[in-house]
Amino acid sequence: MPDGGLFRALVEPSDNMLNFEKVEAKFGPEVRAKFTDIPKGSAVLRFPSANGEMQACTIWIGVNNISMMLNKEEIKSFLFLLS
């Protein structure tokens, strides 16, 4: 998966949610399995920024999807750090 790819997918046109079918279509069955095989509930997603620093954000792993747990200002900050 490209650096920050899952995070970027989560913040595409203000949806802030990816169902597991979208995860598999974008990133393959291995990435989907990483999310469907862990316990449901809150989690921390870690990913590298463009300059290699590790970033993190809080996500919710649901029965059918992955959701962001950030407000718009935090999302804009992460996108800035990733660019």
PDB file of N, CA and C in Angstrom:
ATOM      1  N   MET A   1       0.843  -1.170   0.000  1.00  0.00           N
ATOM      2  CA  MET A   1       0.000   0.000   0.000  1.00  0.00           C
ATOM      3  C   MET A   1       0.892   1.239   0.000  1.00  0.00           C
ATOM      4  N   PRO A   2       0.579   2.246  -0.811  1.00  0.00           N
ATOM      5  CA  PRO A   2       1.398   3.454  -0.838  1.00  0.00           C
ATOM      6  C   PRO A   2       1.356   4.177   0.499  1.00  0.00           C
ATOM      7  N   ASP A   3       2.408   4.954   0.788  1.00  0.00           N
ATOM      8  CA  ASP A   3       2.460   5.707   2.036  1.00  0.00           C
ATOM      9  C   ASP A   3       1.187   6.515   2.246  1.00  0.00           C
ATOM     10  N   GLY A   4       0.533   6.311   3.376  1.00  0.00           N
ATOM     11  CA  GLY A   4      -0.666   7.061   3.694  1.00  0.00           C
ATOM     12  C   GLY A   4      -1.856   6.731   2.820  1.00  0.00           C
ATOM     13  N   GLY A   5      -1.784   5.666   2.033  1.00  0.00           N
ATOM     14  CA  GLY A   5      -2.854   5.343   1.083  1.00  0.00           C
ATOM     15  C   GLY A   5      -4.198   5.118   1.726  1.00  0.00           C
ATOM     16  N   LEU A   6      -4.232   4.381   2.822  1.00  0.00           N
ATOM     17  CA  LEU A   6      -5.513   4.126   3.482  1.00  0.00           C
ATOM     18  C   LEU A   6      -6.081   5.410   4.057  1.00  0.00           C
ATOM     19  N   PHE A   7      -5.215   6.237   4.658  1.00  0.00           N
ATOM     20  CA  PHE A   7      -5.692   7.510   5.197  1.00  0.00           C
ATOM     21  C   PHE A   7      -6.271   8.380   4.094  1.00  0.00           C
ATOM     22  N   ARG A   8      -5.563   8.483   2.963  1.00  0.00           N
ATOM     23  CA  ARG A   8      -6.076   9.288   1.847  1.00  0.00           C
ATOM     24  C   ARG A   8      -7.426   8.759   1.365  1.00  0.00           C
ATOM     25  N   ALA A   9      -7.572   7.443   1.308  1.00  0.00           N
ATOM     26  CA  ALA A   9      -8.843   6.859   0.879  1.00  0.00           C
ATOM     27  C   ALA A   9      -9.955   7.186   1.863  1.00  0.00           C
ATOM     28  N   LEU A  10      -9.636   7.245   3.143  1.00  0.00           N
ATOM     29  CA  LEU A  10     -10.646   7.556   4.153  1.00  0.00           C
ATOM     30  C   LEU A  10     -11.131   8.997   4.074  1.00  0.00           C
ATOM     31  N   VAL A  11     -10.304   9.891   3.555  1.00  0.00           N
ATOM     32  CA  VAL A  11     -10.703  11.295   3.504  1.00  0.00           C
ATOM     33  C   VAL A  11     -11.128  11.745   2.111  1.00  0.00           C
ATOM     34  N   GLU A  12     -11.330  10.804   1.182  1.00  0.00           N
ATOM     35  CA  GLU A  12     -11.864  11.165  -0.128  1.00  0.00           C
ATOM     36  C   GLU A  12     -13.249  11.750   0.061  1.00  0.00           C
ATOM     37  N   PRO A  13     -13.681  12.564  -0.895  1.00  0.00           N
ATOM     38  CA  PRO A  13     -14.865  13.414  -0.809  1.00  0.00           C
ATOM     39  C   PRO A  13     -15.745  13.298   0.426  1.00  0.00           C
ATOM     40  N   SER A  14     -15.215  13.768   1.540  1.00  0.00           N
ATOM     41  CA  SER A  14     -15.921  13.951   2.814  1.00  0.00           C
ATOM     42  C   SER A  14     -16.736  12.755   3.288  1.00  0.00           C
ATOM     43  N   ASP A  15     -16.411  11.553   2.832  1.00  0.00           N
ATOM     44  CA  ASP A  15     -17.126  10.365   3.295  1.00  0.00           C
ATOM     45  C   ASP A  15     -16.613   9.932   4.667  1.00  0.00           C
ATOM     46  N   ASN A  16     -15.305   9.918   4.844  1.00  0.00           N
ATOM     47  CA  ASN A  16     -14.661   9.514   6.086  1.00  0.00           C
ATOM     48  C   ASN A  16     -15.010   8.098   6.518  1.00  0.00           C
ATOM     49  N   MET A  17     -15.412   7.252   5.565  1.00  0.00           N
ATOM     50  CA  MET A  17     -15.743   5.875   5.869  1.00  0.00           C
ATOM     51  C   MET A  17     -15.426   5.010   4.653  1.00  0.00           C
ATOM     52  N   LEU A  18     -14.861   3.850   4.879  1.00  0.00           N
ATOM     53  CA  LEU A  18     -14.619   2.884   3.811  1.00  0.00           C
ATOM     54  C   LEU A  18     -15.255   1.570   4.220  1.00  0.00           C
ATOM     55  N   ASN A  19     -16.137   1.038   3.372  1.00  0.00           N
ATOM     56  CA  ASN A  19     -16.612  -0.307   3.681  1.00  0.00           C
ATOM     57  C   ASN A  19     -15.525  -1.290   3.254  1.00  0.00           C
ATOM     58  N   PHE A  20     -15.613  -2.517   3.737  1.00  0.00           N
ATOM     59  CA  PHE A  20     -14.543  -3.483   3.488  1.00  0.00           C
ATOM     60  C   PHE A  20     -14.420  -3.865   2.020  1.00  0.00           C
ATOM     61  N   GLU A  21     -15.501  -3.755   1.257  1.00  0.00           N
ATOM     62  CA  GLU A  21     -15.421  -4.025  -0.177  1.00  0.00           C
ATOM     63  C   GLU A  21     -14.557  -2.975  -0.872  1.00  0.00           C
ATOM     64  N   LYS A  22     -14.706  -1.701  -0.476  1.00  0.00           N
ATOM     65  CA  LYS A  22     -13.868  -0.636  -1.040  1.00  0.00           C
ATOM     66  C   LYS A  22     -12.404  -0.846  -0.661  1.00  0.00           C
ATOM     67  N   VAL A  23     -12.157  -1.250   0.588  1.00  0.00           N
ATOM     68  CA  VAL A  23     -10.783  -1.503   1.032  1.00  0.00           C
ATOM     69  C   VAL A  23     -10.154  -2.588   0.156  1.00  0.00           C
ATOM     70  N   GLU A  24     -10.905  -3.668  -0.069  1.00  0.00           N
ATOM     71  CA  GLU A  24     -10.369  -4.754  -0.894  1.00  0.00           C
ATOM     72  C   GLU A  24     -10.150  -4.311  -2.337  1.00  0.00           C
ATOM     73  N   ALA A  25     -11.082  -3.533  -2.889  1.00  0.00           N
ATOM     74  CA  ALA A  25     -10.947  -3.069  -4.272  1.00  0.00           C
ATOM     75  C   ALA A  25      -9.734  -2.150  -4.432  1.00  0.00           C
ATOM     76  N   LYS A  26      -9.477  -1.288  -3.451  1.00  0.00           N
ATOM     77  CA  LYS A  26      -8.373  -0.334  -3.549  1.00  0.00           C
ATOM     78  C   LYS A  26      -7.020  -0.928  -3.176  1.00  0.00           C
ATOM     79  N   PHE A  27      -7.010  -1.831  -2.183  1.00  0.00           N
ATOM     80  CA  PHE A  27      -5.738  -2.267  -1.612  1.00  0.00           C
ATOM     81  C   PHE A  27      -5.527  -3.771  -1.596  1.00  0.00           C
ATOM     82  N   GLY A  28      -6.532  -4.553  -1.970  1.00  0.00           N
ATOM     83  CA  GLY A  28      -6.366  -5.994  -2.041  1.00  0.00           C
ATOM     84  C   GLY A  28      -6.890  -6.737  -0.820  1.00  0.00           C
ATOM     85  N   PRO A  29      -7.019  -8.053  -0.964  1.00  0.00           N
ATOM     86  CA  PRO A  29      -7.587  -8.870   0.113  1.00  0.00           C
ATOM     87  C   PRO A  29      -6.712  -8.938   1.369  1.00  0.00           C
ATOM     88  N   GLU A  30      -5.389  -8.772   1.218  1.00  0.00           N
ATOM     89  CA  GLU A  30      -4.510  -8.821   2.392  1.00  0.00           C
ATOM     90  C   GLU A  30      -4.793  -7.657   3.340  1.00  0.00           C
ATOM     91  N   VAL A  31      -4.994  -6.461   2.778  1.00  0.00           N
ATOM     92  CA  VAL A  31      -5.275  -5.292   3.620  1.00  0.00           C
ATOM     93  C   VAL A  31      -6.659  -5.425   4.241  1.00  0.00           C
ATOM     94  N   ARG A  32      -7.631  -5.901   3.463  1.00  0.00           N
ATOM     95  CA  ARG A  32      -8.969  -6.112   4.028  1.00  0.00           C
ATOM     96  C   ARG A  32      -8.889  -7.062   5.222  1.00  0.00           C
ATOM     97  N   ALA A  33      -8.142  -8.144   5.078  1.00  0.00           N
ATOM     98  CA  ALA A  33      -8.020  -9.130   6.158  1.00  0.00           C
ATOM     99  C   ALA A  33      -7.425  -8.520   7.425  1.00  0.00           C
ATOM    100  N   LYS A  34      -6.501  -7.560   7.259  1.00  0.00           N
ATOM    101  CA  LYS A  34      -5.912  -6.904   8.435  1.00  0.00           C
ATOM    102  C   LYS A  34      -6.983  -6.219   9.282  1.00  0.00           C
ATOM    103  N   PHE A  35      -8.014  -5.680   8.629  1.00  0.00           N
ATOM    104  CA  PHE A  35      -9.066  -4.973   9.361  1.00  0.00           C
ATOM    105  C   PHE A  35     -10.204  -5.887   9.791  1.00  0.00           C
ATOM    106  N   THR A  36     -10.502  -6.914   9.015  1.00  0.00           N
ATOM    107  CA  THR A  36     -11.615  -7.789   9.378  1.00  0.00           C
ATOM    108  C   THR A  36     -11.211  -8.845  10.400  1.00  0.00           C
ATOM    109  N   ASP A  37      -9.904  -9.096  10.537  1.00  0.00           N
ATOM    110  CA  ASP A  37      -9.440 -10.125  11.473  1.00  0.00           C
ATOM    111  C   ASP A  37      -9.119  -9.591  12.866  1.00  0.00           C
ATOM    112  N   ILE A  38      -9.189  -8.276  13.068  1.00  0.00           N
ATOM    113  CA  ILE A  38      -8.900  -7.723  14.398  1.00  0.00           C
ATOM    114  C   ILE A  38     -10.206  -7.433  15.126  1.00  0.00           C
ATOM    115  N   PRO A  39     -10.143  -7.289  16.451  1.00  0.00           N
ATOM    116  CA  PRO A  39     -11.379  -7.007  17.201  1.00  0.00           C
ATOM    117  C   PRO A  39     -12.028  -5.699  16.754  1.00  0.00           C
ATOM    118  N   LYS A  40     -13.335  -5.654  16.780  1.00  0.00           N
ATOM    119  CA  LYS A  40     -14.077  -4.449  16.412  1.00  0.00           C
ATOM    120  C   LYS A  40     -13.951  -3.415  17.529  1.00  0.00           C
ATOM    121  N   GLY A  41     -13.971  -2.153  17.151  1.00  0.00           N
ATOM    122  CA  GLY A  41     -13.865  -1.067  18.120  1.00  0.00           C
ATOM    123  C   GLY A  41     -12.848  -0.043  17.664  1.00  0.00           C
ATOM    124  N   SER A  42     -12.419   0.812  18.591  1.00  0.00           N
ATOM    125  CA  SER A  42     -11.491   1.876  18.222  1.00  0.00           C
ATOM    126  C   SER A  42     -10.089   1.307  18.044  1.00  0.00           C
ATOM    127  N   ALA A  43      -9.333   1.955  17.167  1.00  0.00           N
ATOM    128  CA  ALA A  43      -7.970   1.527  16.868  1.00  0.00           C
ATOM    129  C   ALA A  43      -7.165   2.744  16.442  1.00  0.00           C
ATOM    130  N   VAL A  44      -5.862   2.585  16.393  1.00  0.00           N
ATOM    131  CA  VAL A  44      -4.969   3.644  15.926  1.00  0.00           C
ATOM    132  C   VAL A  44      -4.344   3.180  14.623  1.00  0.00           C
ATOM    133  N   LEU A  45      -4.480   4.007  13.591  1.00  0.00           N
ATOM    134  CA  LEU A  45      -3.899   3.736  12.284  1.00  0.00           C
ATOM    135  C   LEU A  45      -2.588   4.518  12.190  1.00  0.00           C
ATOM    136  N   ARG A  46      -1.476   3.826  11.973  1.00  0.00           N
ATOM    137  CA  ARG A  46      -0.168   4.472  11.835  1.00  0.00           C
ATOM    138  C   ARG A  46       0.270   4.377  10.390  1.00  0.00           C
ATOM    139  N   PHE A  47       0.847   5.462   9.876  1.00  0.00           N
ATOM    140  CA  PHE A  47       1.273   5.512   8.481  1.00  0.00           C
ATOM    141  C   PHE A  47       2.375   6.543   8.330  1.00  0.00           C
ATOM    142  N   PRO A  48       3.282   6.369   7.360  1.00  0.00           N
ATOM    143  CA  PRO A  48       4.371   7.323   7.166  1.00  0.00           C
ATOM    144  C   PRO A  48       3.922   8.545   6.366  1.00  0.00           C
ATOM    145  N   SER A  49       4.460   9.704   6.733  1.00  0.00           N
ATOM    146  CA  SER A  49       4.210  10.919   5.961  1.00  0.00           C
ATOM    147  C   SER A  49       5.153  10.929   4.766  1.00  0.00           C
ATOM    148  N   ALA A  50       5.043  11.951   3.929  1.00  0.00           N
ATOM    149  CA  ALA A  50       5.886  12.055   2.737  1.00  0.00           C
ATOM    150  C   ALA A  50       7.370  12.130   3.103  1.00  0.00           C
ATOM    151  N   ASN A  51       7.692  12.706   4.259  1.00  0.00           N
ATOM    152  CA  ASN A  51       9.101  12.801   4.658  1.00  0.00           C
ATOM    153  C   ASN A  51       9.527  11.678   5.596  1.00  0.00           C
ATOM    154  N   GLY A  52       8.686  10.644   5.730  1.00  0.00           N
ATOM    155  CA  GLY A  52       9.074   9.453   6.482  1.00  0.00           C
ATOM    156  C   GLY A  52       8.708   9.431   7.946  1.00  0.00           C
ATOM    157  N   GLU A  53       8.186  10.539   8.468  1.00  0.00           N
ATOM    158  CA  GLU A  53       7.773  10.555   9.877  1.00  0.00           C
ATOM    159  C   GLU A  53       6.496   9.740  10.039  1.00  0.00           C
ATOM    160  N   MET A  54       6.399   9.025  11.148  1.00  0.00           N
ATOM    161  CA  MET A  54       5.190   8.244  11.399  1.00  0.00           C
ATOM    162  C   MET A  54       4.077   9.156  11.921  1.00  0.00           C
ATOM    163  N   GLN A  55       2.906   9.047  11.317  1.00  0.00           N
ATOM    164  CA  GLN A  55       1.718   9.771  11.731  1.00  0.00           C
ATOM    165  C   GLN A  55       0.728   8.743  12.277  1.00  0.00           C
ATOM    166  N   ALA A  56      -0.261   9.195  13.015  1.00  0.00           N
ATOM    167  CA  ALA A  56      -1.277   8.286  13.547  1.00  0.00           C
ATOM    168  C   ALA A  56      -2.604   9.011  13.631  1.00  0.00           C
ATOM    169  N   CYS A  57      -3.681   8.261  13.485  1.00  0.00           N
ATOM    170  CA  CYS A  57      -5.012   8.813  13.678  1.00  0.00           C
ATOM    171  C   CYS A  57      -5.904   7.723  14.262  1.00  0.00           C
ATOM    172  N   THR A  58      -6.978   8.127  14.892  1.00  0.00           N
ATOM    173  CA  THR A  58      -7.905   7.187  15.510  1.00  0.00           C
ATOM    174  C   THR A  58      -8.976   6.801  14.499  1.00  0.00           C
ATOM    175  N   ILE A  59      -9.239   5.504  14.394  1.00  0.00           N
ATOM    176  CA  ILE A  59     -10.275   5.001  13.499  1.00  0.00           C
ATOM    177  C   ILE A  59     -11.199   4.079  14.285  1.00  0.00           C
ATOM    178  N   TRP A  60     -12.355   3.827  13.738  1.00  0.00           N
ATOM    179  CA  TRP A  60     -13.308   2.884  14.312  1.00  0.00           C
ATOM    180  C   TRP A  60     -13.427   1.716  13.350  1.00  0.00           C
ATOM    181  N   ILE A  61     -13.164   0.513  13.846  1.00  0.00           N
ATOM    182  CA  ILE A  61     -13.327  -0.698  13.053  1.00  0.00           C
ATOM    183  C   ILE A  61     -14.721  -1.236  13.356  1.00  0.00           C
ATOM    184  N   GLY A  62     -15.600  -1.154  12.378  1.00  0.00           N
ATOM    185  CA  GLY A  62     -16.964  -1.626  12.545  1.00  0.00           C
ATOM    186  C   GLY A  62     -17.143  -3.016  11.965  1.00  0.00           C
ATOM    187  N   VAL A  63     -18.371  -3.475  11.962  1.00  0.00           N
ATOM    188  CA  VAL A  63     -18.683  -4.789  11.404  1.00  0.00           C
ATOM    189  C   VAL A  63     -18.491  -4.786   9.889  1.00  0.00           C
ATOM    190  N   ASN A  64     -18.848  -3.674   9.236  1.00  0.00           N
ATOM    191  CA  ASN A  64     -18.792  -3.596   7.776  1.00  0.00           C
ATOM    192  C   ASN A  64     -17.879  -2.513   7.223  1.00  0.00           C
ATOM    193  N   ASN A  65     -17.290  -1.677   8.090  1.00  0.00           N
ATOM    194  CA  ASN A  65     -16.518  -0.557   7.568  1.00  0.00           C
ATOM    195  C   ASN A  65     -15.468  -0.061   8.549  1.00  0.00           C
ATOM    196  N   ILE A  66     -14.663   0.865   8.044  1.00  0.00           N
ATOM    197  CA  ILE A  66     -13.657   1.582   8.827  1.00  0.00           C
ATOM    198  C   ILE A  66     -14.031   3.050   8.761  1.00  0.00           C
ATOM    199  N   SER A  67     -14.116   3.724   9.898  1.00  0.00           N
ATOM    200  CA  SER A  67     -14.516   5.132   9.934  1.00  0.00           C
ATOM    201  C   SER A  67     -13.440   5.971  10.613  1.00  0.00           C
ATOM    202  N   MET A  68     -13.321   7.218  10.166  1.00  0.00           N
ATOM    203  CA  MET A  68     -12.419   8.161  10.813  1.00  0.00           C
ATOM    204  C   MET A  68     -13.043   8.652  12.103  1.00  0.00           C
ATOM    205  N   MET A  69     -12.211   8.963  13.088  1.00  0.00           N
ATOM    206  CA  MET A  69     -12.666   9.560  14.333  1.00  0.00           C
ATOM    207  C   MET A  69     -11.927  10.885  14.521  1.00  0.00           C
ATOM    208  N   LEU A  70     -11.977  11.720  13.484  1.00  0.00           N
ATOM    209  CA  LEU A  70     -11.301  13.014  13.483  1.00  0.00           C
ATOM    210  C   LEU A  70     -12.271  14.090  13.033  1.00  0.00           C
ATOM    211  N   ASN A  71     -12.003  15.328  13.438  1.00  0.00           N
ATOM    212  CA  ASN A  71     -12.802  16.429  12.906  1.00  0.00           C
ATOM    213  C   ASN A  71     -12.138  16.977  11.645  1.00  0.00           C
ATOM    214  N   LYS A  72     -12.788  17.885  10.953  1.00  0.00           N
ATOM    215  CA  LYS A  72     -12.280  18.392   9.672  1.00  0.00           C
ATOM    216  C   LYS A  72     -10.916  19.063   9.802  1.00  0.00           C
ATOM    217  N   GLU A  73     -10.679  19.786  10.893  1.00  0.00           N
ATOM    218  CA  GLU A  73      -9.402  20.474  11.067  1.00  0.00           C
ATOM    219  C   GLU A  73      -8.267  19.468  11.212  1.00  0.00           C
ATOM    220  N   GLU A  74      -8.517  18.393  11.956  1.00  0.00           N
ATOM    221  CA  GLU A  74      -7.487  17.371  12.121  1.00  0.00           C
ATOM    222  C   GLU A  74      -7.199  16.670  10.793  1.00  0.00           C
ATOM    223  N   ILE A  75      -8.225  16.396  10.021  1.00  0.00           N
ATOM    224  CA  ILE A  75      -8.044  15.769   8.714  1.00  0.00           C
ATOM    225  C   ILE A  75      -7.207  16.665   7.806  1.00  0.00           C
ATOM    226  N   LYS A  76      -7.500  17.968   7.794  1.00  0.00           N
ATOM    227  CA  LYS A  76      -6.727  18.892   6.960  1.00  0.00           C
ATOM    228  C   LYS A  76      -5.260  18.913   7.403  1.00  0.00           C
ATOM    229  N   SER A  77      -5.012  18.860   8.704  1.00  0.00           N
ATOM    230  CA  SER A  77      -3.630  18.843   9.204  1.00  0.00           C
ATOM    231  C   SER A  77      -2.900  17.597   8.752  1.00  0.00           C
ATOM    232  N   PHE A  78      -3.548  16.435   8.852  1.00  0.00           N
ATOM    233  CA  PHE A  78      -2.908  15.203   8.391  1.00  0.00           C
ATOM    234  C   PHE A  78      -2.638  15.250   6.894  1.00  0.00           C
ATOM    235  N   LEU A  79      -3.562  15.741   6.100  1.00  0.00           N
ATOM    236  CA  LEU A  79      -3.335  15.828   4.673  1.00  0.00           C
ATOM    237  C   LEU A  79      -2.162  16.732   4.353  1.00  0.00           C
ATOM    238  N   PHE A  80      -2.043  17.844   5.086  1.00  0.00           N
ATOM    239  CA  PHE A  80      -0.911  18.748   4.902  1.00  0.00           C
ATOM    240  C   PHE A  80       0.398  18.028   5.229  1.00  0.00           C
ATOM    241  N   LEU A  81       0.423  17.284   6.343  1.00  0.00           N
ATOM    242  CA  LEU A  81       1.638  16.577   6.729  1.00  0.00           C
ATOM    243  C   LEU A  81       2.015  15.478   5.749  1.00  0.00           C
ATOM    244  N   LEU A  82       1.011  14.881   5.102  1.00  0.00           N
ATOM    245  CA  LEU A  82       1.277  13.827   4.143  1.00  0.00           C
ATOM    246  C   LEU A  82       1.771  14.352   2.804  1.00  0.00           C
ATOM    247  N   SER A  83       1.511  15.629   2.506  1.00  0.00           N
ATOM    248  CA  SER A  83       1.886  16.165   1.198  1.00  0.00           C
ATOM    249  C   SER A  83       3.315  16.708   1.193  1.00  0.00           C
TER     250      SER A  83
END
